[in-house]
């Protein structure tokens, strides 16, 4: 009796590609939303850092990321989950406040009432995420958080330190995924706590992220980092271009992508649009940064389809940076590459 499986039909193959397109769509929404939000009066009028061209900020952010990662891993190992939740949800509420405040400013203007409404809305949504972290709520929050973070940072820090930051995170992602593998502990701990720091794409509509079990089951599990893209086995229903998830004997009914894969390249999109003079809505360097991001995303998905786990930022950041360079050359934009130390 033959045990060979029937080949997939064209319809099934197309259905299996849907998660790829949805993930790409999420990145596009974050980039377009960040560009729009960064141009609103409330965000664009925010004072930049003292020296927005200083690469010292890049070094600072990278060091802080490493220290933050070490702290979270320590807290995970010590089972201090209430501290982790407090840190994450406080950051979420603050970011959501900026988004809601900018939206209210655009709609009715800045008043004491809109300030209080933005504060209440941000806290209420953070509480909702804590009490009921279902996939559609997490996805909506992920989009808002990513858009808000990219808009605020993108108008505060120029493109040079952001490029340096992207290169540093690219290297850090590679090392933490393939060498030290400490990101695996971080990703697993975060997902066990159901923290809203990722995008969740269900394969079926009745899927529940709340009921998903990410606990360690056996030694045959394999894991990925917060920026890593992962595929399921060759006979799986669909390749999993995911971040922050463990591949288990019992395959998950959802795909996952860390917010960092959408946020980090988008920082350059916003900064290139904010700090480079241009006519129209979007500068050429910013537009080509977006195009470069999706070229990197396409290459990443192609490599993933071969069945090998991959870190995401080396592909996405490289594509974004090369796209930025192409946009500058094509447009002839005047850019400064002073380190601003």
Protein backbone atom coordinates (compact mmCIF):
# COMPACT_ATOMS: atom_id res chain seq x y z
CA UNK A 1 0.00 0.00 0.00
CA UNK A 2 1.50 3.31 -1.05
CA UNK A 3 2.13 5.94 1.61
CA UNK A 4 2.90 8.74 -0.84
CA UNK A 5 0.80 11.83 -0.45
CA UNK A 6 -1.14 13.30 -3.35
CA UNK A 7 0.45 16.41 -4.84
CA UNK A 8 -1.12 19.71 -3.89
CA UNK A 9 -3.55 21.24 -6.32
CA UNK A 10 -3.00 24.75 -7.70
CA UNK A 11 -5.73 26.07 -5.40
CA UNK A 12 -4.05 24.52 -2.36
CA UNK A 13 -0.68 25.95 -3.38
CA UNK A 14 -2.19 29.41 -3.72
CA UNK A 15 -3.89 29.08 -0.35
CA UNK A 16 -0.55 28.16 1.19
CA UNK A 17 0.92 31.40 -0.13
CA UNK A 18 -1.72 33.55 1.56
CA UNK A 19 0.19 33.85 4.89
CA UNK A 20 3.21 35.21 3.00
CA UNK A 21 1.11 37.93 1.44
CA UNK A 22 -0.60 38.78 4.71
CA UNK A 23 2.76 39.21 6.43
CA UNK A 24 3.92 41.41 3.59
CA UNK A 25 0.67 43.35 3.86
CA UNK A 26 1.28 43.95 7.57
CA UNK A 27 4.70 45.40 6.78
CA UNK A 28 3.16 47.63 4.10
CA UNK A 29 0.46 48.85 6.51
CA UNK A 30 3.12 49.68 9.12
CA UNK A 31 5.20 51.60 6.59
CA UNK A 32 2.30 53.52 5.05
CA UNK A 33 0.74 54.19 8.46
CA UNK A 34 4.04 55.41 9.90
CA UNK A 35 4.57 57.81 7.01
CA UNK A 36 1.08 59.22 7.52
CA UNK A 37 1.36 59.47 11.30
CA UNK A 38 4.82 61.07 11.17
CA UNK A 39 3.37 63.86 9.00
CA UNK A 40 0.61 64.74 11.49
CA UNK A 41 1.12 67.98 13.40
CA UNK A 42 1.36 66.33 16.80
CA UNK A 43 4.13 63.90 15.80
CA UNK A 44 6.04 66.08 13.32
CA UNK A 45 6.15 68.93 15.85
CA UNK A 46 7.80 66.72 18.45
CA UNK A 47 11.29 68.10 19.12
CA UNK A 48 14.04 65.83 17.77
CA UNK A 49 16.83 64.56 19.94
CA UNK A 50 19.54 67.08 20.83
CA UNK A 51 21.68 65.86 17.92
CA UNK A 52 19.52 63.64 15.67
CA UNK A 53 22.50 62.85 13.43
CA UNK A 54 24.64 61.41 16.21
CA UNK A 55 25.49 57.73 15.85
CA UNK A 56 25.98 57.77 19.60
CA UNK A 57 22.24 57.18 19.84
CA UNK A 58 22.65 54.06 17.69
CA UNK A 59 25.24 52.66 20.06
CA UNK A 60 23.04 53.62 23.00
CA UNK A 61 19.98 51.81 21.59
CA UNK A 62 21.98 48.68 20.76
CA UNK A 63 23.55 48.55 24.23
CA UNK A 64 20.16 49.14 25.85
CA UNK A 65 18.64 46.36 23.74
CA UNK A 66 21.33 43.92 24.86
CA UNK A 67 20.87 44.92 28.50
CA UNK A 68 17.08 44.74 28.20
CA UNK A 69 17.33 41.27 26.64
CA UNK A 70 19.62 40.13 29.45
CA UNK A 71 17.21 41.54 32.05
CA UNK A 72 14.15 39.85 30.53
CA UNK A 73 15.95 36.50 30.22
CA UNK A 74 17.03 36.80 33.87
CA UNK A 75 13.45 37.57 34.92
CA UNK A 76 12.15 34.65 32.84
CA UNK A 77 14.58 32.25 34.50
CA UNK A 78 13.60 33.63 37.92
CA UNK A 79 9.91 33.37 36.99
CA UNK A 80 9.33 37.08 37.73
CA UNK A 81 6.59 37.28 35.14
CA UNK A 82 4.71 40.13 36.85
CA UNK A 83 7.71 42.43 36.33
CA UNK A 84 7.99 41.47 32.67
CA UNK A 85 4.29 42.11 32.14
CA UNK A 86 4.55 45.48 33.89
CA UNK A 87 7.43 46.62 31.68
CA UNK A 88 5.86 45.46 28.42
CA UNK A 89 2.35 46.76 29.07
CA UNK A 90 3.64 50.13 30.29
CA UNK A 91 5.60 50.52 27.04
CA UNK A 92 2.53 49.46 25.04
CA UNK A 93 0.27 51.97 26.79
CA UNK A 94 2.75 54.79 26.22
CA UNK A 95 3.09 54.00 22.52
CA UNK A 96 -0.67 53.69 22.06
CA UNK A 97 -1.08 57.07 23.74
CA UNK A 98 1.04 58.73 21.04
CA UNK A 99 -1.01 57.08 18.31
CA UNK A 100 -4.40 57.94 19.81
CA UNK A 101 -3.27 61.48 20.62
CA UNK A 102 -2.12 62.05 17.04
CA UNK A 103 -5.37 60.62 15.64
CA UNK A 104 -7.49 62.82 17.91
CA UNK A 105 -5.36 65.84 17.06
CA UNK A 106 -5.94 65.18 13.37
CA UNK A 107 -9.69 64.76 13.93
CA UNK A 108 -10.64 67.48 16.43
CA UNK A 109 -7.45 69.20 17.58
CA UNK A 110 -5.44 69.18 20.79
CA UNK A 111 -7.50 69.92 23.90
CA UNK A 112 -7.54 68.83 27.50
CA UNK A 113 -10.40 66.50 26.64
CA UNK A 114 -8.50 64.79 23.79
CA UNK A 115 -5.46 64.46 26.04
CA UNK A 116 -7.51 62.70 28.72
CA UNK A 117 -9.33 60.62 26.10
CA UNK A 118 -6.01 59.46 24.61
CA UNK A 119 -4.71 58.50 28.06
CA UNK A 120 -7.88 56.58 28.96
CA UNK A 121 -8.00 54.85 25.54
CA UNK A 122 -4.35 53.78 25.76
CA UNK A 123 -4.74 52.37 29.27
CA UNK A 124 -8.04 50.69 28.43
CA UNK A 125 -6.59 48.99 25.37
CA UNK A 126 -3.53 47.83 27.32
CA UNK A 127 -5.87 46.31 29.91
CA UNK A 128 -7.87 44.63 27.13
CA UNK A 129 -4.68 43.12 25.75
CA UNK A 130 -3.81 41.80 29.18
CA UNK A 131 -7.26 40.39 29.92
CA UNK A 132 -8.11 39.04 26.46
CA UNK A 133 -5.03 38.58 24.23
CA UNK A 134 -6.85 37.05 21.26
CA UNK A 135 -5.13 37.10 17.86
CA UNK A 136 -7.22 39.82 16.20
CA UNK A 137 -6.79 42.15 19.18
CA UNK A 138 -3.06 41.47 19.24
CA UNK A 139 -2.76 42.10 15.50
CA UNK A 140 -4.58 45.42 15.75
CA UNK A 141 -2.45 46.45 18.71
CA UNK A 142 0.69 45.29 16.89
CA UNK A 143 -0.11 47.52 13.94
CA UNK A 144 -0.81 50.52 16.19
CA UNK A 145 2.29 49.93 18.31
CA UNK A 146 4.55 49.49 15.28
CA UNK A 147 3.16 52.55 13.50
CA UNK A 148 3.45 54.68 16.61
CA UNK A 149 6.99 53.58 17.47
CA UNK A 150 8.24 54.08 13.91
CA UNK A 151 6.65 57.51 13.58
CA UNK A 152 7.99 58.83 16.90
CA UNK A 153 11.52 57.46 16.50
CA UNK A 154 11.68 58.24 12.77
CA UNK A 155 11.14 61.98 13.31
CA UNK A 156 13.56 62.06 16.25
CA UNK A 157 16.57 60.29 14.76
CA UNK A 158 18.08 60.97 11.33
CA UNK A 159 18.80 58.37 8.66
CA UNK A 160 22.54 58.02 9.36
CA UNK A 161 22.25 56.79 12.97
CA UNK A 162 19.25 54.68 11.95
CA UNK A 163 21.33 52.98 9.24
CA UNK A 164 24.07 52.34 11.80
CA UNK A 165 21.42 51.01 14.19
CA UNK A 166 20.04 48.71 11.47
CA UNK A 167 23.49 47.34 10.70
CA UNK A 168 24.14 46.76 14.39
CA UNK A 169 20.81 44.98 14.88
CA UNK A 170 21.41 42.96 11.72
CA UNK A 171 24.65 41.64 13.19
CA UNK A 172 23.10 41.19 16.63
CA UNK A 173 20.19 39.25 15.15
CA UNK A 174 22.57 36.94 13.28
CA UNK A 175 24.68 36.26 16.37
CA UNK A 176 21.74 35.81 18.76
CA UNK A 177 19.98 33.40 16.40
CA UNK A 178 22.82 31.29 15.01
CA UNK A 179 25.62 31.64 17.56
CA UNK A 180 24.64 32.33 21.17
CA UNK A 181 20.96 31.44 20.54
CA UNK A 182 19.93 33.40 23.63
CA UNK A 183 17.05 34.90 21.65
CA UNK A 184 15.39 31.50 21.73
CA UNK A 185 14.93 31.72 25.49
CA UNK A 186 13.59 35.26 25.17
CA UNK A 187 11.13 34.40 22.40
CA UNK A 188 9.82 31.31 24.15
CA UNK A 189 9.34 33.13 27.44
CA UNK A 190 7.52 36.02 25.79
CA UNK A 191 5.17 33.71 23.92
CA UNK A 192 4.44 31.63 27.00
CA UNK A 193 3.22 34.86 28.63
CA UNK A 194 1.04 35.68 25.60
CA UNK A 195 2.60 39.15 25.38
CA UNK A 196 1.41 41.24 22.41
CA UNK A 197 4.80 41.68 20.75
CA UNK A 198 4.09 39.85 17.50
CA UNK A 199 1.65 39.43 14.65
CA UNK A 200 -0.53 36.33 14.68
CA UNK A 201 -1.95 34.97 11.42
CA UNK A 202 -4.35 32.06 11.95
CA UNK A 203 -4.66 29.28 9.39
CA UNK A 204 -8.31 28.81 10.37
CA UNK A 205 -10.83 31.36 11.62
CA UNK A 206 -11.75 29.43 14.78
CA UNK A 207 -8.13 29.50 15.95
CA UNK A 208 -7.57 30.89 19.46
CA UNK A 209 -4.23 32.38 20.46
CA UNK A 210 -5.38 32.35 24.07
CA UNK A 211 -5.69 28.56 23.96
CA UNK A 212 -2.35 28.05 22.18
CA UNK A 213 0.13 26.07 24.28
CA UNK A 214 3.76 27.14 23.89
CA UNK A 215 5.11 25.18 26.83
CA UNK A 216 8.01 22.81 26.26
CA UNK A 217 6.73 19.36 25.39
CA UNK A 218 9.77 17.30 24.50
CA UNK A 219 13.32 17.35 23.26
CA UNK A 220 12.30 17.20 19.63
CA UNK A 221 11.06 20.78 19.60
CA UNK A 222 13.00 23.39 17.66
CA UNK A 223 12.82 27.12 18.30
CA UNK A 224 13.29 30.49 16.61
CA UNK A 225 14.19 33.98 17.81
CA UNK A 226 12.18 37.17 18.02
CA UNK A 227 13.38 38.17 14.56
CA UNK A 228 13.71 34.67 13.07
CA UNK A 229 11.75 33.27 10.16
CA UNK A 230 10.87 29.62 10.46
CA UNK A 231 9.47 26.90 8.23
CA UNK A 232 7.58 23.78 9.09
CA UNK A 233 8.58 20.38 7.77
CA UNK A 234 8.38 19.57 4.08
CA UNK A 235 5.07 17.75 4.44
CA UNK A 236 3.51 20.60 6.38
CA UNK A 237 0.40 22.31 5.17
CA UNK A 238 2.23 25.60 4.70
CA UNK A 239 5.71 26.98 5.12
CA UNK A 240 5.82 29.13 8.23
CA UNK A 241 7.57 32.48 7.63
CA UNK A 242 7.37 33.14 11.33
CA UNK A 243 9.18 34.82 14.15
CA UNK A 244 9.18 34.08 17.86
CA UNK A 245 7.68 30.58 17.71
CA UNK A 246 8.71 27.05 18.45
CA UNK A 247 8.07 24.27 15.99
CA UNK A 248 6.36 21.47 17.87
CA UNK A 249 5.20 17.94 17.22
CA UNK A 250 1.69 19.32 17.27
CA UNK A 251 1.92 22.04 14.65
CA UNK A 252 0.41 25.39 15.48
CA UNK A 253 -2.65 26.53 13.57
CA UNK A 254 -1.20 30.02 13.21
CA UNK A 255 1.85 31.79 11.83
CA UNK A 256 3.80 34.38 13.78
CA UNK A 257 5.96 37.37 12.90
CA UNK A 258 7.79 39.52 15.44
CA UNK A 259 7.03 43.24 15.42
CA UNK A 260 10.74 43.95 14.94
CA UNK A 261 10.65 42.60 11.38
CA UNK A 262 8.16 45.33 10.49
CA UNK A 263 9.49 48.09 12.74
CA UNK A 264 13.25 48.18 12.12
CA UNK A 265 13.24 48.72 8.32
CA UNK A 266 10.35 51.18 8.66
CA UNK A 267 12.44 53.46 10.89
CA UNK A 268 14.58 54.23 7.84
CA UNK A 269 11.48 54.76 5.68
CA UNK A 270 10.20 57.45 8.06
CA UNK A 271 13.58 59.11 8.70
CA UNK A 272 14.36 59.28 4.98
CA UNK A 273 11.04 61.02 4.41
CA UNK A 274 11.33 63.37 7.38
CA UNK A 275 14.95 64.48 7.18
CA UNK A 276 15.45 64.66 3.39
CA UNK A 277 13.88 67.60 1.58
CA UNK A 278 11.47 66.58 -1.16
CA UNK A 279 8.37 67.53 -3.08
CA UNK A 280 5.21 65.47 -2.76
CA UNK A 281 4.10 63.10 -0.07
CA UNK A 282 7.03 60.66 -0.10
CA UNK A 283 10.69 61.24 -0.90
CA UNK A 284 12.39 59.05 -3.47
CA UNK A 285 14.86 57.61 -0.89
CA UNK A 286 11.92 56.74 1.36
CA UNK A 287 9.98 55.11 -1.48
CA UNK A 288 12.96 53.03 -2.55
CA UNK A 289 13.61 52.04 1.05
CA UNK A 290 10.11 50.56 1.06
CA UNK A 291 10.78 48.78 -2.23
CA UNK A 292 14.10 47.46 -0.92
CA UNK A 293 12.40 46.13 2.20
CA UNK A 294 10.02 44.06 0.11
CA UNK A 295 12.83 42.82 -2.13
CA UNK A 296 14.57 41.62 1.05
CA UNK A 297 11.29 40.13 2.24
CA UNK A 298 10.84 38.25 -1.05
CA UNK A 299 14.38 36.84 -0.86
CA UNK A 300 13.78 35.86 2.75
CA UNK A 301 10.58 34.03 1.86
CA UNK A 302 12.36 32.24 -0.99
CA UNK A 303 15.14 31.05 1.32
CA UNK A 304 12.59 30.04 3.94
CA UNK A 305 10.69 28.00 1.36
CA UNK A 306 13.79 25.80 1.04
CA UNK A 307 13.15 24.57 4.56
CA UNK A 308 15.94 26.28 6.50
CA UNK A 309 15.24 28.59 9.47
CA UNK A 310 16.52 32.11 8.89
CA UNK A 311 16.98 35.31 10.87
CA UNK A 312 14.84 38.05 9.36
CA UNK A 313 16.76 41.30 9.82
CA UNK A 314 19.82 40.39 7.72
CA UNK A 315 17.49 40.18 4.72
CA UNK A 316 15.05 42.97 5.55
CA UNK A 317 17.59 45.54 6.76
CA UNK A 318 19.96 44.87 3.88
CA UNK A 319 17.17 45.33 1.36
CA UNK A 320 16.00 48.55 3.05
CA UNK A 321 19.51 50.06 3.21
CA UNK A 322 20.30 49.19 -0.41
CA UNK A 323 16.92 50.60 -1.44
CA UNK A 324 17.70 53.84 0.41
CA UNK A 325 21.04 54.12 -1.38
CA UNK A 326 19.37 53.51 -4.75
CA UNK A 327 16.74 56.16 -4.00
CA UNK A 328 19.40 58.72 -3.10
CA UNK A 329 21.38 58.03 -6.30
CA UNK A 330 18.32 58.07 -8.56
CA UNK A 331 16.81 61.23 -7.07
CA UNK A 332 20.07 63.06 -6.62
CA UNK A 333 18.93 64.02 -3.13
CA UNK A 334 21.35 65.97 -0.99
CA UNK A 335 22.23 63.90 2.04
CA UNK A 336 24.71 64.36 4.83
CA UNK A 337 26.64 61.44 6.26
CA UNK A 338 28.19 63.27 9.18
CA UNK A 339 28.45 60.97 12.18
CA UNK A 340 27.47 63.87 14.45
CA UNK A 341 29.49 62.56 17.37
